[in-house]
């Protein structure tokens, strides 16, 4: 595992997170879900991502990124089924959340 150990907003995350966070900042995520405090950016991983994420995630999985209130970026890789459960749980717990595409 190649975890970022340098202090800063990516500390403790996988080495590929800064690259995908740049895509978030450029508005290039596949989906975004947000509430009053947190915005989650979702990337559906495809064959183009395979060379970058080999051994960490597979095409068809989802990479979810968000920034906490202290400015640290966090990530999770989820299967398609897990992503659906995540979305359903968010919609059940926080029906005011909205999707942005």
Protein backbone atom coordinates (compact mmCIF):
# COMPACT_ATOMS: atom_id res chain seq x y z
CA UNK A 1 0.00 0.00 0.00
CA UNK A 2 1.30 3.42 -0.95
CA UNK A 3 -0.17 5.69 1.68
CA UNK A 4 0.72 9.38 1.79
CA UNK A 5 2.66 10.06 5.00
CA UNK A 6 3.58 13.71 4.41
CA UNK A 7 1.59 16.10 6.60
CA UNK A 8 -1.20 17.88 4.77
CA UNK A 9 -4.66 17.50 3.29
CA UNK A 10 -3.94 14.04 1.80
CA UNK A 11 -2.14 12.53 4.80
CA UNK A 12 -3.20 8.92 5.34
CA UNK A 13 -4.75 8.55 1.88
CA UNK A 14 -3.67 6.44 -1.09
CA UNK A 15 -1.12 7.94 -3.47
CA UNK A 16 -3.70 8.39 -6.28
CA UNK A 17 -6.09 10.60 -4.24
CA UNK A 18 -4.45 13.96 -5.14
CA UNK A 19 -4.87 13.22 -8.87
CA UNK A 20 -8.56 12.50 -8.46
CA UNK A 21 -9.03 15.48 -6.13
CA UNK A 22 -7.73 17.69 -8.94
CA UNK A 23 -10.51 16.23 -11.11
CA UNK A 24 -13.01 17.14 -8.37
CA UNK A 25 -11.74 20.72 -8.40
CA UNK A 26 -12.08 20.76 -12.20
CA UNK A 27 -15.70 19.56 -11.91
CA UNK A 28 -14.98 16.21 -13.56
CA UNK A 29 -16.60 13.76 -11.14
CA UNK A 30 -19.35 11.49 -12.46
CA UNK A 31 -21.79 12.34 -9.67
CA UNK A 32 -21.88 14.60 -6.64
CA UNK A 33 -24.07 14.28 -3.58
CA UNK A 34 -24.10 16.91 -0.88
CA UNK A 35 -25.77 18.11 2.25
CA UNK A 36 -25.33 21.31 4.21
CA UNK A 37 -21.78 20.45 5.29
CA UNK A 38 -20.25 17.80 3.02
CA UNK A 39 -20.01 17.28 -0.71
CA UNK A 40 -19.15 13.79 -1.93
CA UNK A 41 -17.68 13.40 -5.42
CA UNK A 42 -18.16 10.00 -7.04
CA UNK A 43 -16.09 8.54 -9.86
CA UNK A 44 -17.19 5.39 -11.67
CA UNK A 45 -13.88 3.71 -12.42
CA UNK A 46 -13.38 2.48 -15.97
CA UNK A 47 -10.72 0.77 -18.08
CA UNK A 48 -8.89 4.10 -18.49
CA UNK A 49 -8.38 4.19 -14.73
CA UNK A 50 -7.04 0.63 -14.55
CA UNK A 51 -3.33 1.44 -15.11
CA UNK A 52 -3.41 4.11 -12.38
CA UNK A 53 -5.38 2.08 -9.85
CA UNK A 54 -4.08 -1.42 -10.57
CA UNK A 55 -4.11 -3.36 -7.32
CA UNK A 56 -6.17 -0.71 -5.52
CA UNK A 57 -9.50 -0.66 -7.38
CA UNK A 58 -11.10 -2.31 -10.39
CA UNK A 59 -13.14 -0.99 -13.31
CA UNK A 60 -16.81 -0.82 -12.34
CA UNK A 61 -16.06 0.18 -8.75
CA UNK A 62 -16.64 3.68 -7.42
CA UNK A 63 -14.13 6.08 -5.89
CA UNK A 64 -15.75 8.51 -3.47
CA UNK A 65 -13.89 11.63 -2.31
CA UNK A 66 -14.83 14.34 0.16
CA UNK A 67 -13.18 17.11 2.14
CA UNK A 68 -13.85 17.49 5.85
CA UNK A 69 -14.35 20.79 7.66
CA UNK A 70 -10.63 20.95 8.50
CA UNK A 71 -9.62 20.66 4.84
CA UNK A 72 -8.48 17.01 4.83
CA UNK A 73 -9.48 14.92 1.83
CA UNK A 74 -10.87 11.41 2.43
CA UNK A 75 -11.61 8.57 0.04
CA UNK A 76 -13.33 5.21 -0.18
CA UNK A 77 -13.51 2.66 -2.97
CA UNK A 78 -16.85 0.87 -3.18
CA UNK A 79 -18.37 -1.82 -5.33
CA UNK A 80 -21.40 -0.80 -7.35
CA UNK A 81 -23.67 -2.57 -4.85
CA UNK A 82 -21.98 -0.87 -1.88
CA UNK A 83 -22.31 2.51 -3.60
CA UNK A 84 -26.05 1.90 -4.08
CA UNK A 85 -26.41 1.01 -0.39
CA UNK A 86 -24.46 4.15 0.54
CA UNK A 87 -26.73 6.32 -1.58
CA UNK A 88 -29.85 4.63 -0.20
CA UNK A 89 -28.68 5.06 3.38
CA UNK A 90 -27.86 8.72 2.79
CA UNK A 91 -31.28 9.28 1.23
CA UNK A 92 -32.96 7.46 4.13
CA UNK A 93 -31.07 9.27 6.87
CA UNK A 94 -30.83 12.65 5.12
CA UNK A 95 -33.75 12.99 2.70
CA UNK A 96 -32.74 16.59 2.08
CA UNK A 97 -29.54 15.57 0.29
CA UNK A 98 -29.47 16.44 -3.35
CA UNK A 99 -27.78 14.97 -6.39
CA UNK A 100 -25.79 17.17 -8.71
CA UNK A 101 -24.76 15.68 -12.06
